[in-house]
N, C-alpha and C. Protein backbone atom coordinates (compact mmCIF):
# COMPACT_ATOMS: atom_id res chain seq x y z
N MET A 1 -25.65 36.28 -89.27
CA MET A 1 -26.55 36.33 -90.51
C MET A 1 -26.05 37.44 -91.38
N VAL A 2 -25.95 37.09 -92.54
CA VAL A 2 -25.52 37.98 -93.70
C VAL A 2 -26.89 38.66 -94.26
N SER A 3 -27.00 40.04 -94.34
CA SER A 3 -28.12 40.57 -94.84
C SER A 3 -28.26 40.57 -96.38
N ASP A 4 -29.32 40.46 -97.03
CA ASP A 4 -29.38 40.42 -98.64
C ASP A 4 -28.79 41.89 -98.97
N ARG A 5 -29.16 42.91 -98.15
CA ARG A 5 -28.55 44.23 -98.64
C ARG A 5 -26.90 44.36 -98.65
N SER A 6 -26.38 43.74 -97.70
CA SER A 6 -24.77 43.52 -97.67
C SER A 6 -24.31 42.80 -98.75
N LEU A 7 -25.00 41.80 -99.07
CA LEU A 7 -24.47 41.24 -100.20
C LEU A 7 -24.61 41.73 -101.56
N LYS A 8 -25.88 42.56 -101.77
CA LYS A 8 -26.03 43.26 -102.92
C LYS A 8 -25.09 44.33 -103.02
N THR A 9 -24.83 45.07 -101.97
CA THR A 9 -23.87 46.30 -101.99
C THR A 9 -22.41 45.76 -102.25
N LEU A 10 -22.12 44.59 -101.68
CA LEU A 10 -20.75 44.02 -102.02
C LEU A 10 -20.63 43.69 -103.48
N ASN A 11 -21.68 43.32 -103.91
CA ASN A 11 -21.71 42.74 -105.44
C ASN A 11 -21.62 44.08 -106.31
N ALA A 12 -22.29 45.13 -105.91
CA ALA A 12 -22.47 46.35 -106.66
C ALA A 12 -21.15 47.01 -106.59
N THR A 13 -20.40 47.02 -105.50
CA THR A 13 -19.12 47.61 -105.14
C THR A 13 -18.06 46.99 -106.17
N HIS A 14 -18.05 45.51 -106.14
CA HIS A 14 -17.23 44.73 -106.94
C HIS A 14 -17.26 45.10 -108.38
N ARG A 15 -18.53 45.14 -108.81
CA ARG A 15 -18.78 45.47 -110.32
C ARG A 15 -18.27 46.97 -110.59
N ARG A 16 -18.52 47.81 -109.62
CA ARG A 16 -17.90 49.16 -109.84
C ARG A 16 -16.41 49.20 -110.02
N LEU A 17 -15.80 48.48 -109.16
CA LEU A 17 -14.29 48.38 -109.14
C LEU A 17 -13.87 47.95 -110.55
N MET A 18 -14.61 46.78 -111.20
CA MET A 18 -14.33 46.21 -112.49
C MET A 18 -14.60 47.17 -113.50
N ARG A 19 -15.50 47.99 -113.44
CA ARG A 19 -15.93 48.93 -114.54
C ARG A 19 -14.86 50.11 -114.44
N LEU A 20 -14.50 50.72 -113.33
CA LEU A 20 -13.50 51.66 -113.12
C LEU A 20 -12.21 51.40 -113.64
N THR A 21 -11.79 50.05 -113.47
CA THR A 21 -10.55 49.66 -113.85
C THR A 21 -10.46 49.01 -115.25
N ARG A 22 -11.72 49.18 -115.88
CA ARG A 22 -11.87 48.48 -117.34
C ARG A 22 -11.29 47.08 -117.04
N GLY A 23 -11.84 46.31 -116.08
CA GLY A 23 -11.43 44.94 -115.92
C GLY A 23 -10.09 44.45 -115.61
N ARG A 24 -9.23 45.53 -115.26
CA ARG A 24 -7.86 45.08 -114.71
C ARG A 24 -7.84 44.45 -113.39
N LEU A 25 -8.74 44.97 -112.61
CA LEU A 25 -8.90 44.47 -111.25
C LEU A 25 -10.45 43.81 -111.06
N GLY A 26 -10.42 42.75 -110.10
CA GLY A 26 -11.67 42.29 -109.75
C GLY A 26 -11.85 40.88 -110.17
N TRP A 27 -11.20 40.48 -111.02
CA TRP A 27 -11.19 39.04 -111.61
C TRP A 27 -10.63 37.90 -110.62
N ARG A 28 -9.91 38.24 -109.32
CA ARG A 28 -9.60 37.52 -108.40
C ARG A 28 -9.95 38.06 -107.11
N ALA A 29 -10.39 37.05 -106.22
CA ALA A 29 -10.80 37.62 -104.65
C ALA A 29 -10.31 36.36 -103.86
N GLY A 30 -9.58 36.82 -102.79
CA GLY A 30 -9.04 35.83 -101.87
C GLY A 30 -8.24 34.78 -102.43
N GLY A 31 -7.63 35.15 -103.51
CA GLY A 31 -6.79 34.12 -104.04
C GLY A 31 -7.35 33.20 -105.28
N MET A 32 -8.82 33.43 -105.43
CA MET A 32 -9.58 32.67 -106.26
C MET A 32 -9.96 33.47 -107.44
N PRO A 33 -10.21 32.71 -108.56
CA PRO A 33 -10.82 33.45 -109.81
C PRO A 33 -12.24 33.80 -109.51
N VAL A 34 -12.74 34.95 -109.86
CA VAL A 34 -14.00 35.37 -110.08
C VAL A 34 -14.65 35.28 -111.31
N LEU A 35 -16.05 34.96 -111.29
CA LEU A 35 -16.75 34.76 -112.34
C LEU A 35 -18.19 35.54 -112.13
N GLU A 36 -18.82 35.69 -113.39
CA GLU A 36 -20.06 36.33 -113.47
C GLU A 36 -21.01 35.11 -113.71
N LEU A 37 -22.20 34.84 -112.81
CA LEU A 37 -23.15 33.77 -113.08
C LEU A 37 -24.34 34.50 -113.26
N THR A 38 -25.13 34.20 -114.27
CA THR A 38 -26.56 34.75 -114.43
C THR A 38 -27.49 33.61 -114.42
N THR A 39 -28.28 33.62 -113.61
CA THR A 39 -29.29 32.70 -113.25
C THR A 39 -30.68 33.28 -113.68
N THR A 40 -31.68 32.49 -113.80
CA THR A 40 -33.19 32.94 -114.05
C THR A 40 -33.88 32.86 -112.60
N GLY A 41 -34.36 34.03 -112.30
CA GLY A 41 -35.18 34.02 -110.93
C GLY A 41 -36.25 33.10 -110.75
N ARG A 42 -36.17 32.43 -109.70
CA ARG A 42 -37.19 31.30 -109.56
C ARG A 42 -38.49 31.78 -109.32
N ARG A 43 -38.74 33.10 -108.84
CA ARG A 43 -40.17 33.68 -108.72
C ARG A 43 -40.36 34.76 -109.65
N SER A 44 -39.40 35.41 -110.17
CA SER A 44 -39.53 36.66 -111.06
C SER A 44 -39.40 36.22 -112.61
N GLY A 45 -38.54 35.18 -112.95
CA GLY A 45 -38.28 34.78 -114.27
C GLY A 45 -37.49 35.59 -114.99
N ARG A 46 -36.87 36.59 -114.31
CA ARG A 46 -35.93 37.56 -114.81
C ARG A 46 -34.43 37.10 -114.55
N ALA A 47 -33.63 37.61 -115.44
CA ALA A 47 -32.05 37.30 -115.29
C ALA A 47 -31.55 38.04 -114.13
N HIS A 48 -30.85 37.34 -113.25
CA HIS A 48 -30.08 37.80 -112.17
C HIS A 48 -28.51 37.40 -112.32
N THR A 49 -27.64 38.53 -112.21
CA THR A 49 -26.11 38.26 -112.41
C THR A 49 -25.57 38.44 -111.12
N VAL A 50 -24.77 37.63 -110.54
CA VAL A 50 -23.93 37.95 -109.51
C VAL A 50 -22.45 37.44 -109.64
N MET A 51 -21.49 38.19 -108.98
CA MET A 51 -20.21 38.01 -109.01
C MET A 51 -19.78 36.91 -107.79
N LEU A 52 -19.11 35.73 -108.22
CA LEU A 52 -18.78 34.58 -107.39
C LEU A 52 -17.37 34.23 -107.46
N THR A 53 -16.80 33.81 -106.32
CA THR A 53 -15.50 33.21 -106.47
C THR A 53 -15.86 31.69 -106.91
N SER A 54 -14.53 31.15 -107.63
CA SER A 54 -14.83 29.75 -108.07
C SER A 54 -13.54 29.10 -107.78
N PRO A 55 -13.55 28.56 -106.51
CA PRO A 55 -12.26 27.91 -105.90
C PRO A 55 -11.73 26.79 -106.70
N LEU A 56 -12.33 26.16 -107.58
CA LEU A 56 -11.89 24.90 -108.06
C LEU A 56 -12.38 24.63 -109.19
N ARG A 57 -11.68 23.91 -110.22
CA ARG A 57 -12.07 23.36 -111.35
C ARG A 57 -11.89 21.84 -111.30
N ASP A 58 -12.95 21.05 -111.73
CA ASP A 58 -12.87 19.65 -111.73
C ASP A 58 -13.23 19.08 -113.21
N GLY A 59 -12.15 18.80 -113.96
CA GLY A 59 -12.41 18.64 -115.29
C GLY A 59 -12.82 19.75 -116.06
N ASP A 60 -13.95 19.62 -116.78
CA ASP A 60 -14.62 20.80 -117.39
C ASP A 60 -15.55 21.63 -116.54
N ALA A 61 -15.89 21.09 -115.47
CA ALA A 61 -16.80 21.68 -114.41
C ALA A 61 -16.08 22.72 -113.55
N ILE A 62 -16.77 23.77 -113.50
CA ILE A 62 -16.49 24.92 -112.50
C ILE A 62 -17.15 24.70 -111.14
N VAL A 63 -16.46 24.75 -110.06
CA VAL A 63 -17.10 24.36 -108.70
C VAL A 63 -17.29 25.78 -108.01
N LEU A 64 -18.60 25.88 -107.57
CA LEU A 64 -18.99 26.92 -106.83
C LEU A 64 -19.45 26.54 -105.47
N VAL A 65 -19.16 27.43 -104.46
CA VAL A 65 -19.70 26.92 -103.03
C VAL A 65 -20.93 27.69 -102.67
N ALA A 66 -21.89 27.25 -102.37
CA ALA A 66 -23.19 28.11 -101.92
C ALA A 66 -23.27 28.35 -100.43
N SER A 67 -22.04 29.07 -100.19
CA SER A 67 -21.94 29.31 -98.65
C SER A 67 -22.71 30.49 -98.08
N ARG A 68 -22.84 31.49 -98.68
CA ARG A 68 -23.42 32.61 -98.24
C ARG A 68 -22.81 33.17 -96.82
N ALA A 69 -21.52 33.14 -96.88
CA ALA A 69 -20.54 33.29 -95.79
C ALA A 69 -20.81 32.66 -94.43
N GLY A 70 -21.56 31.63 -94.67
CA GLY A 70 -21.85 30.51 -93.32
C GLY A 70 -23.08 30.85 -92.74
N ASP A 71 -23.87 31.74 -93.57
CA ASP A 71 -25.33 31.83 -93.18
C ASP A 71 -26.08 30.65 -93.26
N ASP A 72 -27.16 30.36 -92.31
CA ASP A 72 -28.05 29.22 -92.37
C ASP A 72 -29.03 29.13 -93.55
N ARG A 73 -29.05 30.20 -94.26
CA ARG A 73 -29.92 30.21 -95.56
C ARG A 73 -29.14 30.02 -96.79
N HIS A 74 -29.69 29.40 -97.72
CA HIS A 74 -29.07 29.36 -99.07
C HIS A 74 -28.96 30.69 -99.59
N PRO A 75 -27.91 30.78 -100.60
CA PRO A 75 -27.86 32.11 -101.40
C PRO A 75 -28.93 32.01 -102.51
N ASP A 76 -29.52 33.28 -102.74
CA ASP A 76 -30.61 33.26 -103.80
C ASP A 76 -30.08 32.63 -105.05
N TRP A 77 -28.78 32.76 -105.58
CA TRP A 77 -28.43 32.23 -106.89
C TRP A 77 -28.52 30.59 -106.80
N TYR A 78 -28.20 30.11 -105.66
CA TYR A 78 -28.33 28.52 -105.36
C TYR A 78 -29.86 28.26 -105.64
N LEU A 79 -30.55 28.83 -104.94
CA LEU A 79 -32.21 28.54 -105.07
C LEU A 79 -32.55 28.76 -106.49
N ASN A 80 -32.08 29.68 -107.30
CA ASN A 80 -32.53 29.87 -108.52
C ASN A 80 -32.11 28.69 -109.51
N ILE A 81 -30.80 28.13 -109.24
CA ILE A 81 -30.45 27.08 -110.26
C ILE A 81 -30.94 25.86 -109.84
N CYS A 82 -31.50 25.58 -108.54
CA CYS A 82 -32.24 24.56 -108.23
C CYS A 82 -33.67 24.56 -108.95
N ALA A 83 -34.07 25.74 -109.25
CA ALA A 83 -35.33 25.79 -109.97
C ALA A 83 -35.16 25.79 -111.56
N THR A 84 -34.03 26.41 -112.12
CA THR A 84 -33.69 26.34 -113.36
C THR A 84 -32.29 26.00 -113.62
N ALA A 85 -31.90 24.84 -114.03
CA ALA A 85 -30.36 24.65 -114.06
C ALA A 85 -29.69 25.21 -115.33
N ASP A 86 -30.35 26.01 -116.34
CA ASP A 86 -29.51 26.58 -117.33
C ASP A 86 -29.20 27.88 -116.78
N VAL A 87 -27.79 28.15 -117.04
CA VAL A 87 -27.13 29.44 -116.57
C VAL A 87 -26.24 29.93 -117.74
N GLU A 88 -25.76 31.28 -117.53
CA GLU A 88 -24.70 31.78 -118.30
C GLU A 88 -23.60 32.15 -117.35
N VAL A 89 -22.28 31.93 -117.83
CA VAL A 89 -21.08 32.17 -117.17
C VAL A 89 -20.17 33.10 -117.80
N ARG A 90 -19.54 34.06 -117.25
CA ARG A 90 -18.41 34.72 -117.90
C ARG A 90 -17.41 34.82 -117.04
N VAL A 91 -16.17 34.22 -117.65
CA VAL A 91 -15.01 34.31 -116.83
C VAL A 91 -13.97 35.31 -117.25
N ARG A 92 -13.49 36.06 -116.42
CA ARG A 92 -12.39 37.01 -116.69
C ARG A 92 -12.73 37.90 -118.02
N GLY A 93 -14.08 38.48 -117.93
CA GLY A 93 -14.35 39.34 -118.86
C GLY A 93 -14.66 38.76 -120.42
N GLY A 94 -14.50 37.47 -120.53
CA GLY A 94 -14.58 36.86 -121.83
C GLY A 94 -16.20 36.69 -122.21
N SER A 95 -16.31 35.88 -123.09
CA SER A 95 -17.64 35.78 -123.80
C SER A 95 -18.50 34.94 -122.74
N TRP A 96 -19.72 35.32 -122.73
CA TRP A 96 -20.77 34.64 -122.01
C TRP A 96 -20.82 33.20 -122.65
N ARG A 97 -20.91 32.23 -121.68
CA ARG A 97 -20.81 30.86 -122.08
C ARG A 97 -22.26 30.19 -121.42
N PRO A 98 -23.06 29.33 -122.23
CA PRO A 98 -24.19 28.59 -121.62
C PRO A 98 -23.59 27.40 -120.81
N MET A 99 -24.11 27.29 -119.70
CA MET A 99 -23.73 26.13 -118.90
C MET A 99 -24.99 25.48 -118.09
N ARG A 100 -24.75 24.25 -117.55
CA ARG A 100 -25.86 23.88 -116.74
C ARG A 100 -25.32 23.56 -115.40
N ALA A 101 -26.14 24.11 -114.27
CA ALA A 101 -25.57 24.06 -112.99
C ALA A 101 -26.32 22.76 -112.40
N ARG A 102 -25.52 22.13 -111.55
CA ARG A 102 -26.26 21.02 -110.79
C ARG A 102 -25.50 20.90 -109.40
N VAL A 103 -26.20 20.42 -108.29
CA VAL A 103 -25.74 20.18 -107.18
C VAL A 103 -24.94 18.99 -107.04
N ALA A 104 -23.76 19.23 -106.47
CA ALA A 104 -22.85 17.84 -106.35
C ALA A 104 -23.65 16.82 -105.48
N THR A 105 -23.41 15.61 -106.03
CA THR A 105 -23.85 14.43 -105.18
C THR A 105 -23.21 14.24 -104.02
N PRO A 106 -23.68 13.65 -102.93
CA PRO A 106 -22.94 13.57 -101.54
C PRO A 106 -21.48 12.91 -101.86
N PRO A 107 -21.28 11.81 -102.73
CA PRO A 107 -19.82 11.36 -102.86
C PRO A 107 -19.10 12.59 -103.55
N GLU A 108 -19.63 13.14 -104.50
CA GLU A 108 -18.86 14.37 -105.21
C GLU A 108 -18.42 15.28 -104.28
N ARG A 109 -19.40 15.70 -103.34
CA ARG A 109 -18.96 16.71 -102.30
C ARG A 109 -17.95 16.20 -101.46
N GLU A 110 -18.14 15.00 -101.03
CA GLU A 110 -17.16 14.29 -100.15
C GLU A 110 -15.70 14.25 -100.71
N ARG A 111 -15.67 14.14 -102.01
CA ARG A 111 -14.37 14.07 -102.83
C ARG A 111 -13.83 15.63 -102.98
N LEU A 112 -14.73 16.57 -103.41
CA LEU A 112 -14.32 17.77 -103.72
C LEU A 112 -14.06 18.81 -102.52
N TRP A 113 -14.87 18.54 -101.40
CA TRP A 113 -14.75 19.64 -100.24
C TRP A 113 -13.24 19.57 -99.56
N PRO A 114 -12.70 18.56 -99.60
CA PRO A 114 -11.30 18.65 -99.02
C PRO A 114 -10.30 19.60 -100.09
N ARG A 115 -10.50 19.50 -101.23
CA ARG A 115 -9.90 20.37 -102.08
C ARG A 115 -10.25 21.87 -102.09
N VAL A 116 -11.44 22.15 -101.92
CA VAL A 116 -12.05 23.48 -101.64
C VAL A 116 -11.37 24.14 -100.38
N VAL A 117 -11.49 23.45 -99.28
CA VAL A 117 -10.90 24.10 -98.06
C VAL A 117 -9.48 24.05 -98.12
N ALA A 118 -8.82 23.22 -99.10
CA ALA A 118 -7.34 23.30 -98.85
C ALA A 118 -6.75 24.57 -99.35
N ASP A 119 -7.48 25.32 -100.33
CA ASP A 119 -6.94 26.33 -101.00
C ASP A 119 -7.76 27.59 -100.48
N SER A 120 -8.93 27.38 -99.86
CA SER A 120 -9.67 28.53 -99.34
C SER A 120 -10.15 28.24 -97.94
N ARG A 121 -9.40 28.51 -96.97
CA ARG A 121 -9.64 28.15 -95.78
C ARG A 121 -11.06 28.69 -95.03
N TRP A 122 -11.43 29.89 -95.51
CA TRP A 122 -12.56 30.45 -94.96
C TRP A 122 -13.83 29.59 -95.18
N TYR A 123 -13.86 28.76 -96.27
CA TYR A 123 -15.11 27.94 -96.47
C TYR A 123 -15.15 27.03 -95.29
N GLU A 124 -14.10 26.50 -94.65
CA GLU A 124 -14.00 25.66 -93.55
C GLU A 124 -14.96 26.36 -92.29
N SER A 125 -14.47 27.53 -92.19
CA SER A 125 -15.04 28.30 -91.01
C SER A 125 -16.53 28.58 -91.29
N TYR A 126 -16.92 28.82 -92.57
CA TYR A 126 -18.36 29.19 -92.80
C TYR A 126 -19.08 27.79 -92.64
N GLN A 127 -18.48 26.72 -92.94
CA GLN A 127 -19.38 25.41 -92.71
C GLN A 127 -19.33 24.98 -91.22
N ALA A 128 -18.34 25.62 -90.47
CA ALA A 128 -18.39 25.23 -88.88
C ALA A 128 -19.50 26.21 -88.23
N LYS A 129 -19.69 27.35 -88.98
CA LYS A 129 -20.77 28.17 -88.16
C LYS A 129 -22.10 28.02 -88.73
N SER A 130 -22.24 27.14 -89.73
CA SER A 130 -23.59 27.09 -90.39
C SER A 130 -24.25 25.68 -90.01
N LYS A 131 -25.58 25.80 -89.85
CA LYS A 131 -26.21 24.50 -89.40
C LYS A 131 -26.55 23.66 -90.58
N ARG A 132 -26.38 24.21 -91.72
CA ARG A 132 -26.70 23.43 -93.00
C ARG A 132 -25.32 22.92 -93.51
N VAL A 133 -25.46 21.88 -94.41
CA VAL A 133 -24.31 21.32 -95.14
C VAL A 133 -24.29 22.27 -96.34
N ILE A 134 -23.09 22.99 -96.47
CA ILE A 134 -22.97 23.97 -97.53
C ILE A 134 -22.73 23.13 -98.76
N PRO A 135 -23.68 23.46 -99.80
CA PRO A 135 -23.69 22.63 -101.12
C PRO A 135 -22.52 23.13 -101.88
N LEU A 136 -22.14 22.28 -102.96
CA LEU A 136 -21.06 22.54 -103.92
C LEU A 136 -22.04 22.46 -105.16
N VAL A 137 -21.83 23.32 -106.11
CA VAL A 137 -22.48 23.42 -107.28
C VAL A 137 -21.30 23.23 -108.52
N LEU A 138 -21.67 22.35 -109.39
CA LEU A 138 -20.94 22.24 -110.49
C LEU A 138 -21.62 22.67 -111.78
N LEU A 139 -20.87 23.61 -112.39
CA LEU A 139 -21.28 24.27 -113.61
C LEU A 139 -20.41 23.59 -114.77
N GLU A 140 -21.36 22.81 -115.76
CA GLU A 140 -20.87 22.09 -116.75
C GLU A 140 -21.33 22.54 -118.16
N PRO A 141 -20.41 22.49 -119.11
CA PRO A 141 -20.83 23.06 -120.39
C PRO A 141 -22.06 22.38 -120.92
N ARG A 142 -22.86 23.12 -121.72
CA ARG A 142 -24.10 22.55 -122.23
C ARG A 142 -23.81 21.97 -123.63
């Protein structure tokens, strides 16, 4: 099980690296693009921003994997988008873009999952150790 503290520390370290290098480093991780996702907290109503890898694009949609490193709990950002689908996304230090998040339907997940794990094998190991089906989230332009 991954602790909330570990995830927050990793995210803060990633942000520090990006700030120290003025954005030259940190926009790729594990061979995948990294983005910043801002959600609205489902309990607090406040904005929360996390750094996430985005292993795949599907047309205009950015695909995210709600893996939480194979933990049996969903990540907070995923629970937040389930409560409020309107999000903001920033890719490679560009401008913030309003987007709408939605969970992939079972047929979409079935179609996209093989593409996700073909390029990013650790997602396959995350799914193997988790009791839940790891959701895919599609971020689409508003």
